[in-house]
Amino acid sequence: MSVQIKRIYESAASDDGNRVLVDRLWPRGVAKADAALDEWYKTVAPTTDLRQWFGHDRDRWDEFSERYRGELDASNDDALAKLQELSKNQTLTLLYAAKDTECNHAVVLKAWLEDNA
């Protein structure tokens, strides 16, 4: 299993495998034709309330991570199950738009997928 994360603003690479956008909102400045996506699973992103509460405030990172993992644990979303299946069979690249490459929901989702493989 190989799960990696990448900003959607970075160019697609041959080793990306299956490229899945995991943001609830479409990223600004990215044309859908240029995104090089295989899938867009917006329902695996944090809820709007959680995303707005977090606001990319690093002081809230630990609590955000815990709350988002709780949302993932409680989810019965088909898209989340599909991500789990994809991550078992091939390289999976989770795409996100956040500027912060260390404290964003894709980091938490990657860890959750690895923990629940």
PDB file of N, CA and C in Angstrom:
ATOM      1  N   MET A   1       0.839  -1.192   0.000  1.00  0.00           N
ATOM      2  CA  MET A   1       0.000   0.000   0.000  1.00  0.00           C
ATOM      3  C   MET A   1       0.875   1.243   0.000  1.00  0.00           C
ATOM      4  N   SER A   2       0.487   2.183  -0.808  1.00  0.00           N
ATOM      5  CA  SER A   2       1.219   3.438  -0.859  1.00  0.00           C
ATOM      6  C   SER A   2       0.226   4.584  -0.975  1.00  0.00           C
ATOM      7  N   VAL A   3       0.184   5.411   0.060  1.00  0.00           N
ATOM      8  CA  VAL A   3      -0.664   6.592   0.036  1.00  0.00           C
ATOM      9  C   VAL A   3       0.250   7.799   0.160  1.00  0.00           C
ATOM     10  N   GLN A   4       0.078   8.725  -0.747  1.00  0.00           N
ATOM     11  CA  GLN A   4       0.848   9.963  -0.665  1.00  0.00           C
ATOM     12  C   GLN A   4      -0.104  11.140  -0.783  1.00  0.00           C
ATOM     13  N   ILE A   5       0.379  12.300  -0.378  1.00  0.00           N
ATOM     14  CA  ILE A   5      -0.437  13.501  -0.484  1.00  0.00           C
ATOM     15  C   ILE A   5       0.319  14.532  -1.304  1.00  0.00           C
ATOM     16  N   LYS A   6      -0.458  15.391  -1.970  1.00  0.00           N
ATOM     17  CA  LYS A   6       0.143  16.361  -2.872  1.00  0.00           C
ATOM     18  C   LYS A   6      -0.832  17.517  -3.060  1.00  0.00           C
ATOM     19  N   ARG A   7      -0.288  18.717  -3.138  1.00  0.00           N
ATOM     20  CA  ARG A   7      -1.149  19.857  -3.451  1.00  0.00           C
ATOM     21  C   ARG A   7      -1.622  19.738  -4.891  1.00  0.00           C
ATOM     22  N   ILE A   8      -2.852  20.071  -5.123  1.00  0.00           N
ATOM     23  CA  ILE A   8      -3.404  19.958  -6.474  1.00  0.00           C
ATOM     24  C   ILE A   8      -2.724  20.928  -7.433  1.00  0.00           C
ATOM     25  N   TYR A   9      -2.057  21.925  -6.907  1.00  0.00           N
ATOM     26  CA  TYR A   9      -1.374  22.907  -7.736  1.00  0.00           C
ATOM     27  C   TYR A   9      -0.042  22.379  -8.282  1.00  0.00           C
ATOM     28  N   GLU A  10       0.416  21.251  -7.751  1.00  0.00           N
ATOM     29  CA  GLU A  10       1.640  20.623  -8.256  1.00  0.00           C
ATOM     30  C   GLU A  10       1.290  19.812  -9.501  1.00  0.00           C
ATOM     31  N   SER A  11       2.257  19.673 -10.373  1.00  0.00           N
ATOM     32  CA  SER A  11       2.039  18.914 -11.606  1.00  0.00           C
ATOM     33  C   SER A  11       1.848  17.435 -11.307  1.00  0.00           C
ATOM     34  N   ALA A  12       1.053  16.800 -12.135  1.00  0.00           N
ATOM     35  CA  ALA A  12       0.877  15.354 -12.042  1.00  0.00           C
ATOM     36  C   ALA A  12       2.189  14.676 -12.401  1.00  0.00           C
ATOM     37  N   ALA A  13       2.449  13.540 -11.763  1.00  0.00           N
ATOM     38  CA  ALA A  13       3.678  12.786 -12.030  1.00  0.00           C
ATOM     39  C   ALA A  13       3.308  11.343 -12.381  1.00  0.00           C
ATOM     40  N   SER A  14       4.199  10.687 -13.060  1.00  0.00           N
ATOM     41  CA  SER A  14       3.924   9.312 -13.499  1.00  0.00           C
ATOM     42  C   SER A  14       3.771   8.350 -12.317  1.00  0.00           C
ATOM     43  N   ASP A  15       4.352   8.687 -11.168  1.00  0.00           N
ATOM     44  CA  ASP A  15       4.265   7.793 -10.007  1.00  0.00           C
ATOM     45  C   ASP A  15       3.124   8.168  -9.050  1.00  0.00           C
ATOM     46  N   ASP A  16       2.212   9.035  -9.486  1.00  0.00           N
ATOM     47  CA  ASP A  16       1.081   9.424  -8.642  1.00  0.00           C
ATOM     48  C   ASP A  16       0.052   8.313  -8.489  1.00  0.00           C
ATOM     49  N   GLY A  17      -0.009   7.415  -9.424  1.00  0.00           N
ATOM     50  CA  GLY A  17      -1.036   6.380  -9.366  1.00  0.00           C
ATOM     51  C   GLY A  17      -2.410   6.989  -9.537  1.00  0.00           C
ATOM     52  N   ASN A  18      -3.345   6.581  -8.699  1.00  0.00           N
ATOM     53  CA  ASN A  18      -4.709   7.084  -8.753  1.00  0.00           C
ATOM     54  C   ASN A  18      -4.769   8.424  -8.024  1.00  0.00           C
ATOM     55  N   ARG A  19      -5.128   9.478  -8.736  1.00  0.00           N
ATOM     56  CA  ARG A  19      -5.164  10.838  -8.181  1.00  0.00           C
ATOM     57  C   ARG A  19      -6.598  11.185  -7.785  1.00  0.00           C
ATOM     58  N   VAL A  20      -6.791  11.442  -6.471  1.00  0.00           N
ATOM     59  CA  VAL A  20      -8.131  11.700  -5.948  1.00  0.00           C
ATOM     60  C   VAL A  20      -8.128  13.015  -5.168  1.00  0.00           C
ATOM     61  N   LEU A  21      -8.958  13.951  -5.613  1.00  0.00           N
ATOM     62  CA  LEU A  21      -9.145  15.205  -4.883  1.00  0.00           C
ATOM     63  C   LEU A  21     -10.027  14.913  -3.673  1.00  0.00           C
ATOM     64  N   VAL A  22      -9.576  15.337  -2.483  1.00  0.00           N
ATOM     65  CA  VAL A  22     -10.312  15.051  -1.247  1.00  0.00           C
ATOM     66  C   VAL A  22     -10.774  16.331  -0.537  1.00  0.00           C
ATOM     67  N   ASP A  23     -10.921  17.412  -1.284  1.00  0.00           N
ATOM     68  CA  ASP A  23     -11.456  18.659  -0.745  1.00  0.00           C
ATOM     69  C   ASP A  23     -12.949  18.730  -1.012  1.00  0.00           C
ATOM     70  N   ARG A  24     -13.674  19.354  -0.089  1.00  0.00           N
ATOM     71  CA  ARG A  24     -15.115  19.512  -0.259  1.00  0.00           C
ATOM     72  C   ARG A  24     -15.425  20.565  -1.328  1.00  0.00           C
ATOM     73  N   LEU A  25     -14.566  21.565  -1.438  1.00  0.00           N
ATOM     74  CA  LEU A  25     -14.760  22.650  -2.404  1.00  0.00           C
ATOM     75  C   LEU A  25     -13.738  22.522  -3.532  1.00  0.00           C
ATOM     76  N   TRP A  26     -14.133  22.911  -4.735  1.00  0.00           N
ATOM     77  CA  TRP A  26     -13.204  22.869  -5.850  1.00  0.00           C
ATOM     78  C   TRP A  26     -12.111  23.924  -5.625  1.00  0.00           C
ATOM     79  N   PRO A  27     -10.838  23.573  -5.843  1.00  0.00           N
ATOM     80  CA  PRO A  27      -9.726  24.504  -5.595  1.00  0.00           C
ATOM     81  C   PRO A  27      -9.748  25.719  -6.533  1.00  0.00           C
ATOM     82  N   ARG A  28      -9.472  26.862  -5.982  1.00  0.00           N
ATOM     83  CA  ARG A  28      -9.425  28.097  -6.770  1.00  0.00           C
ATOM     84  C   ARG A  28      -8.299  28.038  -7.791  1.00  0.00           C
ATOM     85  N   GLY A  29      -8.589  28.546  -8.964  1.00  0.00           N
ATOM     86  CA  GLY A  29      -7.559  28.691  -9.977  1.00  0.00           C
ATOM     87  C   GLY A  29      -7.178  27.414 -10.709  1.00  0.00           C
ATOM     88  N   VAL A  30      -7.896  26.334 -10.478  1.00  0.00           N
ATOM     89  CA  VAL A  30      -7.590  25.068 -11.145  1.00  0.00           C
ATOM     90  C   VAL A  30      -8.740  24.748 -12.104  1.00  0.00           C
ATOM     91  N   ALA A  31      -8.411  24.663 -13.381  1.00  0.00           N
ATOM     92  CA  ALA A  31      -9.421  24.279 -14.362  1.00  0.00           C
ATOM     93  C   ALA A  31      -9.653  22.777 -14.255  1.00  0.00           C
ATOM     94  N   LYS A  32     -10.901  22.368 -14.289  1.00  0.00           N
ATOM     95  CA  LYS A  32     -11.211  20.940 -14.171  1.00  0.00           C
ATOM     96  C   LYS A  32     -10.502  20.127 -15.254  1.00  0.00           C
ATOM     97  N   ALA A  33     -10.350  20.696 -16.418  1.00  0.00           N
ATOM     98  CA  ALA A  33      -9.693  19.987 -17.520  1.00  0.00           C
ATOM     99  C   ALA A  33      -8.198  19.784 -17.257  1.00  0.00           C
ATOM    100  N   ASP A  34      -7.611  20.636 -16.412  1.00  0.00           N
ATOM    101  CA  ASP A  34      -6.171  20.570 -16.136  1.00  0.00           C
ATOM    102  C   ASP A  34      -5.824  19.830 -14.842  1.00  0.00           C
ATOM    103  N   ALA A  35      -6.812  19.383 -14.113  1.00  0.00           N
ATOM    104  CA  ALA A  35      -6.569  18.825 -12.781  1.00  0.00           C
ATOM    105  C   ALA A  35      -5.962  17.425 -12.794  1.00  0.00           C
ATOM    106  N   ALA A  36      -6.079  16.707 -13.877  1.00  0.00           N
ATOM    107  CA  ALA A  36      -5.544  15.344 -13.993  1.00  0.00           C
ATOM    108  C   ALA A  36      -6.041  14.453 -12.853  1.00  0.00           C
ATOM    109  N   LEU A  37      -7.345  14.496 -12.618  1.00  0.00           N
ATOM    110  CA  LEU A  37      -7.967  13.718 -11.539  1.00  0.00           C
ATOM    111  C   LEU A  37      -8.509  12.402 -12.061  1.00  0.00           C
ATOM    112  N   ASP A  38      -8.476  11.405 -11.196  1.00  0.00           N
ATOM    113  CA  ASP A  38      -9.202  10.177 -11.469  1.00  0.00           C
ATOM    114  C   ASP A  38     -10.574  10.231 -10.803  1.00  0.00           C
ATOM    115  N   GLU A  39     -10.626  10.853  -9.624  1.00  0.00           N
ATOM    116  CA  GLU A  39     -11.874  10.955  -8.859  1.00  0.00           C
ATOM    117  C   GLU A  39     -11.861  12.228  -8.026  1.00  0.00           C
ATOM    118  N   TRP A  40     -13.043  12.660  -7.610  1.00  0.00           N
ATOM    119  CA  TRP A  40     -13.195  13.746  -6.647  1.00  0.00           C
ATOM    120  C   TRP A  40     -14.155  13.242  -5.587  1.00  0.00           C
ATOM    121  N   TYR A  41     -13.626  12.952  -4.409  1.00  0.00           N
ATOM    122  CA  TYR A  41     -14.427  12.453  -3.295  1.00  0.00           C
ATOM    123  C   TYR A  41     -14.566  13.546  -2.238  1.00  0.00           C
ATOM    124  N   LYS A  42     -15.458  14.480  -2.496  1.00  0.00           N
ATOM    125  CA  LYS A  42     -15.623  15.609  -1.581  1.00  0.00           C
ATOM    126  C   LYS A  42     -16.227  15.206  -0.244  1.00  0.00           C
ATOM    127  N   THR A  43     -16.942  14.091  -0.215  1.00  0.00           N
ATOM    128  CA  THR A  43     -17.608  13.684   1.025  1.00  0.00           C
ATOM    129  C   THR A  43     -16.649  13.136   2.076  1.00  0.00           C
ATOM    130  N   VAL A  44     -15.400  12.857   1.709  1.00  0.00           N
ATOM    131  CA  VAL A  44     -14.435  12.380   2.711  1.00  0.00           C
ATOM    132  C   VAL A  44     -13.726  13.543   3.410  1.00  0.00           C
ATOM    133  N   ALA A  45     -13.948  14.748   2.937  1.00  0.00           N
ATOM    134  CA  ALA A  45     -13.353  15.936   3.565  1.00  0.00           C
ATOM    135  C   ALA A  45     -14.044  16.207   4.903  1.00  0.00           C
ATOM    136  N   PRO A  46     -13.417  16.995   5.750  1.00  0.00           N
ATOM    137  CA  PRO A  46     -14.074  17.352   7.017  1.00  0.00           C
ATOM    138  C   PRO A  46     -15.398  18.064   6.748  1.00  0.00           C
ATOM    139  N   THR A  47     -16.311  17.954   7.680  1.00  0.00           N
ATOM    140  CA  THR A  47     -17.576  18.676   7.541  1.00  0.00           C
ATOM    141  C   THR A  47     -17.295  20.169   7.446  1.00  0.00           C
ATOM    142  N   THR A  48     -18.241  20.880   6.869  1.00  0.00           N
ATOM    143  CA  THR A  48     -18.087  22.329   6.724  1.00  0.00           C
ATOM    144  C   THR A  48     -17.883  22.983   8.083  1.00  0.00           C
ATOM    145  N   ASP A  49     -18.646  22.563   9.089  1.00  0.00           N
ATOM    146  CA  ASP A  49     -18.515  23.145  10.433  1.00  0.00           C
ATOM    147  C   ASP A  49     -17.110  22.930  10.989  1.00  0.00           C
ATOM    148  N   LEU A  50     -16.572  21.730  10.838  1.00  0.00           N
ATOM    149  CA  LEU A  50     -15.240  21.442  11.363  1.00  0.00           C
ATOM    150  C   LEU A  50     -14.181  22.227  10.589  1.00  0.00           C
ATOM    151  N   ARG A  51     -14.312  22.262   9.277  1.00  0.00           N
ATOM    152  CA  ARG A  51     -13.345  22.988   8.449  1.00  0.00           C
ATOM    153  C   ARG A  51     -13.323  24.476   8.818  1.00  0.00           C
ATOM    154  N   GLN A  52     -14.510  25.059   8.985  1.00  0.00           N
ATOM    155  CA  GLN A  52     -14.574  26.478   9.334  1.00  0.00           C
ATOM    156  C   GLN A  52     -14.063  26.737  10.746  1.00  0.00           C
ATOM    157  N   TRP A  53     -14.355  25.833  11.674  1.00  0.00           N
ATOM    158  CA  TRP A  53     -13.845  25.986  13.037  1.00  0.00           C
ATOM    159  C   TRP A  53     -12.317  25.955  13.037  1.00  0.00           C
ATOM    160  N   PHE A  54     -11.733  25.030  12.291  1.00  0.00           N
ATOM    161  CA  PHE A  54     -10.273  24.894  12.243  1.00  0.00           C
ATOM    162  C   PHE A  54      -9.637  26.128  11.617  1.00  0.00           C
ATOM    163  N   GLY A  55     -10.113  26.542  10.474  1.00  0.00           N
ATOM    164  CA  GLY A  55      -9.599  27.749   9.829  1.00  0.00           C
ATOM    165  C   GLY A  55      -8.097  27.742   9.595  1.00  0.00           C
ATOM    166  N   HIS A  56      -7.497  26.569   9.511  1.00  0.00           N
ATOM    167  CA  HIS A  56      -6.048  26.402   9.323  1.00  0.00           C
ATOM    168  C   HIS A  56      -5.236  27.094  10.419  1.00  0.00           C
ATOM    169  N   ASP A  57      -5.808  27.114  11.624  1.00  0.00           N
ATOM    170  CA  ASP A  57      -5.135  27.670  12.796  1.00  0.00           C
ATOM    171  C   ASP A  57      -4.312  26.548  13.436  1.00  0.00           C
ATOM    172  N   ARG A  58      -2.990  26.676  13.375  1.00  0.00           N
ATOM    173  CA  ARG A  58      -2.111  25.614  13.883  1.00  0.00           C
ATOM    174  C   ARG A  58      -2.325  25.342  15.378  1.00  0.00           C
ATOM    175  N   ASP A  59      -2.813  26.327  16.124  1.00  0.00           N
ATOM    176  CA  ASP A  59      -3.098  26.111  17.540  1.00  0.00           C
ATOM    177  C   ASP A  59      -4.259  25.131  17.732  1.00  0.00           C
ATOM    178  N   ARG A  60      -5.077  24.955  16.715  1.00  0.00           N
ATOM    179  CA  ARG A  60      -6.213  24.040  16.785  1.00  0.00           C
ATOM    180  C   ARG A  60      -5.923  22.703  16.098  1.00  0.00           C
ATOM    181  N   TRP A  61      -4.703  22.510  15.614  1.00  0.00           N
ATOM    182  CA  TRP A  61      -4.361  21.334  14.815  1.00  0.00           C
ATOM    183  C   TRP A  61      -4.648  20.013  15.534  1.00  0.00           C
ATOM    184  N   ASP A  62      -4.183  19.872  16.756  1.00  0.00           N
ATOM    185  CA  ASP A  62      -4.359  18.605  17.473  1.00  0.00           C
ATOM    186  C   ASP A  62      -5.838  18.273  17.664  1.00  0.00           C
ATOM    187  N   GLU A  63      -6.607  19.257  18.062  1.00  0.00           N
ATOM    188  CA  GLU A  63      -8.034  19.010  18.263  1.00  0.00           C
ATOM    189  C   GLU A  63      -8.732  18.770  16.928  1.00  0.00           C
ATOM    190  N   PHE A  64      -8.342  19.524  15.894  1.00  0.00           N
ATOM    191  CA  PHE A  64      -8.910  19.294  14.566  1.00  0.00           C
ATOM    192  C   PHE A  64      -8.649  17.856  14.119  1.00  0.00           C
ATOM    193  N   SER A  65      -7.414  17.404  14.264  1.00  0.00           N
ATOM    194  CA  SER A  65      -7.050  16.049  13.843  1.00  0.00           C
ATOM    195  C   SER A  65      -7.905  15.012  14.560  1.00  0.00           C
ATOM    196  N   GLU A  66      -8.079  15.211  15.855  1.00  0.00           N
ATOM    197  CA  GLU A  66      -8.874  14.278  16.655  1.00  0.00           C
ATOM    198  C   GLU A  66     -10.336  14.279  16.211  1.00  0.00           C
ATOM    199  N   ARG A  67     -10.890  15.466  16.003  1.00  0.00           N
ATOM    200  CA  ARG A  67     -12.293  15.562  15.587  1.00  0.00           C
ATOM    201  C   ARG A  67     -12.499  14.967  14.188  1.00  0.00           C
ATOM    202  N   TYR A  68     -11.564  15.250  13.285  1.00  0.00           N
ATOM    203  CA  TYR A  68     -11.698  14.734  11.916  1.00  0.00           C
ATOM    204  C   TYR A  68     -11.571  13.212  11.899  1.00  0.00           C
ATOM    205  N   ARG A  69     -10.645  12.683  12.671  1.00  0.00           N
ATOM    206  CA  ARG A  69     -10.536  11.218  12.769  1.00  0.00           C
ATOM    207  C   ARG A  69     -11.843  10.629  13.319  1.00  0.00           C
ATOM    208  N   GLY A  70     -12.476  11.324  14.239  1.00  0.00           N
ATOM    209  CA  GLY A  70     -13.766  10.887  14.752  1.00  0.00           C
ATOM    210  C   GLY A  70     -14.828  10.866  13.662  1.00  0.00           C
ATOM    211  N   GLU A  71     -14.818  11.893  12.802  1.00  0.00           N
ATOM    212  CA  GLU A  71     -15.754  11.905  11.675  1.00  0.00           C
ATOM    213  C   GLU A  71     -15.487  10.722  10.743  1.00  0.00           C
ATOM    214  N   LEU A  72     -14.216  10.462  10.481  1.00  0.00           N
ATOM    215  CA  LEU A  72     -13.863   9.343   9.606  1.00  0.00           C
ATOM    216  C   LEU A  72     -14.278   8.009  10.227  1.00  0.00           C
ATOM    217  N   ASP A  73     -14.034   7.850  11.528  1.00  0.00           N
ATOM    218  CA  ASP A  73     -14.408   6.612  12.226  1.00  0.00           C
ATOM    219  C   ASP A  73     -15.921   6.371  12.169  1.00  0.00           C
ATOM    220  N   ALA A  74     -16.687   7.439  12.234  1.00  0.00           N
ATOM    221  CA  ALA A  74     -18.142   7.325  12.272  1.00  0.00           C
ATOM    222  C   ALA A  74     -18.769   7.242  10.875  1.00  0.00           C
ATOM    223  N   SER A  75     -17.971   7.448   9.866  1.00  0.00           N
ATOM    224  CA  SER A  75     -18.493   7.513   8.500  1.00  0.00           C
ATOM    225  C   SER A  75     -18.814   6.134   7.939  1.00  0.00           C
ATOM    226  N   ASN A  76     -19.881   6.093   7.166  1.00  0.00           N
ATOM    227  CA  ASN A  76     -20.170   4.893   6.386  1.00  0.00           C
ATOM    228  C   ASN A  76     -20.261   5.278   4.912  1.00  0.00           C
ATOM    229  N   ASP A  77     -19.467   6.264   4.535  1.00  0.00           N
ATOM    230  CA  ASP A  77     -19.448   6.837   3.199  1.00  0.00           C
ATOM    231  C   ASP A  77     -18.818   5.857   2.201  1.00  0.00           C
ATOM    232  N   ASP A  78     -19.489   5.644   1.090  1.00  0.00           N
ATOM    233  CA  ASP A  78     -18.954   4.770   0.041  1.00  0.00           C
ATOM    234  C   ASP A  78     -17.614   5.273  -0.485  1.00  0.00           C
ATOM    235  N   ALA A  79     -17.457   6.582  -0.568  1.00  0.00           N
ATOM    236  CA  ALA A  79     -16.209   7.148  -1.088  1.00  0.00           C
ATOM    237  C   ALA A  79     -15.033   6.798  -0.174  1.00  0.00           C
ATOM    238  N   LEU A  80     -15.250   6.815   1.115  1.00  0.00           N
ATOM    239  CA  LEU A  80     -14.189   6.451   2.056  1.00  0.00           C
ATOM    240  C   LEU A  80     -13.816   4.981   1.891  1.00  0.00           C
ATOM    241  N   ALA A  81     -14.810   4.139   1.722  1.00  0.00           N
ATOM    242  CA  ALA A  81     -14.549   2.715   1.485  1.00  0.00           C
ATOM    243  C   ALA A  81     -13.775   2.521   0.175  1.00  0.00           C
ATOM    244  N   LYS A  82     -14.110   3.303  -0.841  1.00  0.00           N
ATOM    245  CA  LYS A  82     -13.399   3.215  -2.122  1.00  0.00           C
ATOM    246  C   LYS A  82     -11.944   3.632  -1.962  1.00  0.00           C
ATOM    247  N   LEU A  83     -11.707   4.681  -1.175  1.00  0.00           N
ATOM    248  CA  LEU A  83     -10.321   5.108  -0.916  1.00  0.00           C
ATOM    249  C   LEU A  83      -9.540   4.003  -0.218  1.00  0.00           C
ATOM    250  N   GLN A  84     -10.167   3.369   0.759  1.00  0.00           N
ATOM    251  CA  GLN A  84      -9.502   2.268   1.458  1.00  0.00           C
ATOM    252  C   GLN A  84      -9.144   1.154   0.478  1.00  0.00           C
ATOM    253  N   GLU A  85     -10.057   0.836  -0.409  1.00  0.00           N
ATOM    254  CA  GLU A  85      -9.803  -0.220  -1.389  1.00  0.00           C
ATOM    255  C   GLU A  85      -8.694   0.180  -2.359  1.00  0.00           C
ATOM    256  N   LEU A  86      -8.745   1.411  -2.843  1.00  0.00           N
ATOM    257  CA  LEU A  86      -7.703   1.890  -3.766  1.00  0.00           C
ATOM    258  C   LEU A  86      -6.325   1.856  -3.114  1.00  0.00           C
ATOM    259  N   SER A  87      -6.278   2.212  -1.843  1.00  0.00           N
ATOM    260  CA  SER A  87      -4.979   2.292  -1.162  1.00  0.00           C
ATOM    261  C   SER A  87      -4.365   0.908  -0.955  1.00  0.00           C
ATOM    262  N   LYS A  88      -5.172  -0.128  -1.000  1.00  0.00           N
ATOM    263  CA  LYS A  88      -4.653  -1.488  -0.812  1.00  0.00           C
ATOM    264  C   LYS A  88      -3.996  -2.030  -2.073  1.00  0.00           C
ATOM    265  N   ASN A  89      -4.445  -1.564  -3.229  1.00  0.00           N
ATOM    266  CA  ASN A  89      -4.060  -2.193  -4.481  1.00  0.00           C
ATOM    267  C   ASN A  89      -3.063  -1.419  -5.333  1.00  0.00           C
ATOM    268  N   GLN A  90      -2.883  -0.157  -5.051  1.00  0.00           N
ATOM    269  CA  GLN A  90      -2.034   0.661  -5.916  1.00  0.00           C
ATOM    270  C   GLN A  90      -1.613   1.933  -5.193  1.00  0.00           C
ATOM    271  N   THR A  91      -0.805   2.705  -5.862  1.00  0.00           N
ATOM    272  CA  THR A  91      -0.433   4.007  -5.317  1.00  0.00           C
ATOM    273  C   THR A  91      -1.647   4.924  -5.387  1.00  0.00           C
ATOM    274  N   LEU A  92      -1.893   5.604  -4.300  1.00  0.00           N
ATOM    275  CA  LEU A  92      -3.004   6.535  -4.190  1.00  0.00           C
ATOM    276  C   LEU A  92      -2.437   7.894  -3.804  1.00  0.00           C
ATOM    277  N   THR A  93      -2.758   8.903  -4.573  1.00  0.00           N
ATOM    278  CA  THR A  93      -2.333  10.261  -4.248  1.00  0.00           C
ATOM    279  C   THR A  93      -3.557  11.071  -3.882  1.00  0.00           C
ATOM    280  N   LEU A  94      -3.590  11.518  -2.630  1.00  0.00           N
ATOM    281  CA  LEU A  94      -4.661  12.375  -2.132  1.00  0.00           C
ATOM    282  C   LEU A  94      -4.297  13.815  -2.467  1.00  0.00           C
ATOM    283  N   LEU A  95      -5.147  14.486  -3.200  1.00  0.00           N
ATOM    284  CA  LEU A  95      -4.899  15.864  -3.613  1.00  0.00           C
ATOM    285  C   LEU A  95      -5.711  16.819  -2.756  1.00  0.00           C
ATOM    286  N   TYR A  96      -5.068  17.927  -2.361  1.00  0.00           N
ATOM    287  CA  TYR A  96      -5.724  18.935  -1.526  1.00  0.00           C
ATOM    288  C   TYR A  96      -5.243  20.307  -1.969  1.00  0.00           C
ATOM    289  N   ALA A  97      -5.930  21.350  -1.548  1.00  0.00           N
ATOM    290  CA  ALA A  97      -5.594  22.703  -1.982  1.00  0.00           C
ATOM    291  C   ALA A  97      -4.950  23.561  -0.895  1.00  0.00           C
ATOM    292  N   ALA A  98      -5.017  23.160   0.348  1.00  0.00           N
ATOM    293  CA  ALA A  98      -4.516  23.986   1.454  1.00  0.00           C
ATOM    294  C   ALA A  98      -3.061  24.402   1.241  1.00  0.00           C
ATOM    295  N   LYS A  99      -2.739  25.606   1.679  1.00  0.00           N
ATOM    296  CA  LYS A  99      -1.359  26.105   1.558  1.00  0.00           C
ATOM    297  C   LYS A  99      -0.413  25.408   2.523  1.00  0.00           C
ATOM    298  N   ASP A 100      -0.918  25.085   3.691  1.00  0.00           N
ATOM    299  CA  ASP A 100      -0.093  24.447   4.722  1.00  0.00           C
ATOM    300  C   ASP A 100       0.073  22.968   4.386  1.00  0.00           C
ATOM    301  N   THR A 101       1.301  22.568   4.107  1.00  0.00           N
ATOM    302  CA  THR A 101       1.548  21.186   3.692  1.00  0.00           C
ATOM    303  C   THR A 101       1.679  20.225   4.872  1.00  0.00           C
ATOM    304  N   GLU A 102       1.752  20.728   6.084  1.00  0.00           N
ATOM    305  CA  GLU A 102       1.928  19.875   7.265  1.00  0.00           C
ATOM    306  C   GLU A 102       0.657  19.735   8.097  1.00  0.00           C
ATOM    307  N   CYS A 103      -0.153  20.764   8.124  1.00  0.00           N
ATOM    308  CA  CYS A 103      -1.363  20.765   8.952  1.00  0.00           C
ATOM    309  C   CYS A 103      -2.583  20.972   8.065  1.00  0.00           C
ATOM    310  N   ASN A 104      -3.002  19.901   7.425  1.00  0.00           N
ATOM    311  CA  ASN A 104      -4.205  19.951   6.603  1.00  0.00           C
ATOM    312  C   ASN A 104      -4.909  18.598   6.694  1.00  0.00           C
ATOM    313  N   HIS A 105      -6.143  18.552   6.259  1.00  0.00           N
ATOM    314  CA  HIS A 105      -6.942  17.336   6.438  1.00  0.00           C
ATOM    315  C   HIS A 105      -6.393  16.143   5.665  1.00  0.00           C
ATOM    316  N   ALA A 106      -5.690  16.365   4.552  1.00  0.00           N
ATOM    317  CA  ALA A 106      -5.144  15.239   3.786  1.00  0.00           C
ATOM    318  C   ALA A 106      -4.098  14.481   4.602  1.00  0.00           C
ATOM    319  N   VAL A 107      -3.367  15.176   5.447  1.00  0.00           N
ATOM    320  CA  VAL A 107      -2.383  14.536   6.331  1.00  0.00           C
ATOM    321  C   VAL A 107      -3.103  13.567   7.275  1.00  0.00           C
ATOM    322  N   VAL A 108      -4.217  14.027   7.837  1.00  0.00           N
ATOM    323  CA  VAL A 108      -5.002  13.197   8.760  1.00  0.00           C
ATOM    324  C   VAL A 108      -5.637  12.026   8.013  1.00  0.00           C
ATOM    325  N   LEU A 109      -6.182  12.291   6.844  1.00  0.00           N
ATOM    326  CA  LEU A 109      -6.823  11.240   6.055  1.00  0.00           C
ATOM    327  C   LEU A 109      -5.813  10.169   5.646  1.00  0.00           C
ATOM    328  N   LYS A 110      -4.631  10.566   5.249  1.00  0.00           N
ATOM    329  CA  LYS A 110      -3.573   9.607   4.884  1.00  0.00           C
ATOM    330  C   LYS A 110      -3.253   8.698   6.077  1.00  0.00           C
ATOM    331  N   ALA A 111      -3.048   9.311   7.245  1.00  0.00           N
ATOM    332  CA  ALA A 111      -2.738   8.529   8.450  1.00  0.00           C
ATOM    333  C   ALA A 111      -3.891   7.598   8.799  1.00  0.00           C
ATOM    334  N   TRP A 112      -5.125   8.082   8.663  1.00  0.00           N
ATOM    335  CA  TRP A 112      -6.293   7.248   8.967  1.00  0.00           C
ATOM    336  C   TRP A 112      -6.354   6.059   8.020  1.00  0.00           C
ATOM    337  N   LEU A 113      -6.117   6.294   6.736  1.00  0.00           N
ATOM    338  CA  LEU A 113      -6.133   5.191   5.761  1.00  0.00           C
ATOM    339  C   LEU A 113      -5.052   4.155   6.081  1.00  0.00           C
ATOM    340  N   GLU A 114      -3.898   4.621   6.473  1.00  0.00           N
ATOM    341  CA  GLU A 114      -2.809   3.707   6.813  1.00  0.00           C
ATOM    342  C   GLU A 114      -3.124   2.917   8.081  1.00  0.00           C
ATOM    343  N   ASP A 115      -3.755   3.565   9.046  1.00  0.00           N
ATOM    344  CA  ASP A 115      -4.132   2.908  10.301  1.00  0.00           C
ATOM    345  C   ASP A 115      -5.278   1.916  10.114  1.00  0.00           C
ATOM    346  N   ASN A 116      -6.094   2.123   9.092  1.00  0.00           N
ATOM    347  CA  ASN A 116      -7.284   1.300   8.882  1.00  0.00           C
ATOM    348  C   ASN A 116      -7.190   0.450   7.618  1.00  0.00           C
ATOM    349  N   ALA A 117      -5.982   0.140   7.233  1.00  0.00           N
ATOM    350  CA  ALA A 117      -5.767  -0.652   6.012  1.00  0.00           C
ATOM    351  C   ALA A 117      -6.212  -2.085   6.204  1.00  0.00           C
TER     352      ALA A 117
END
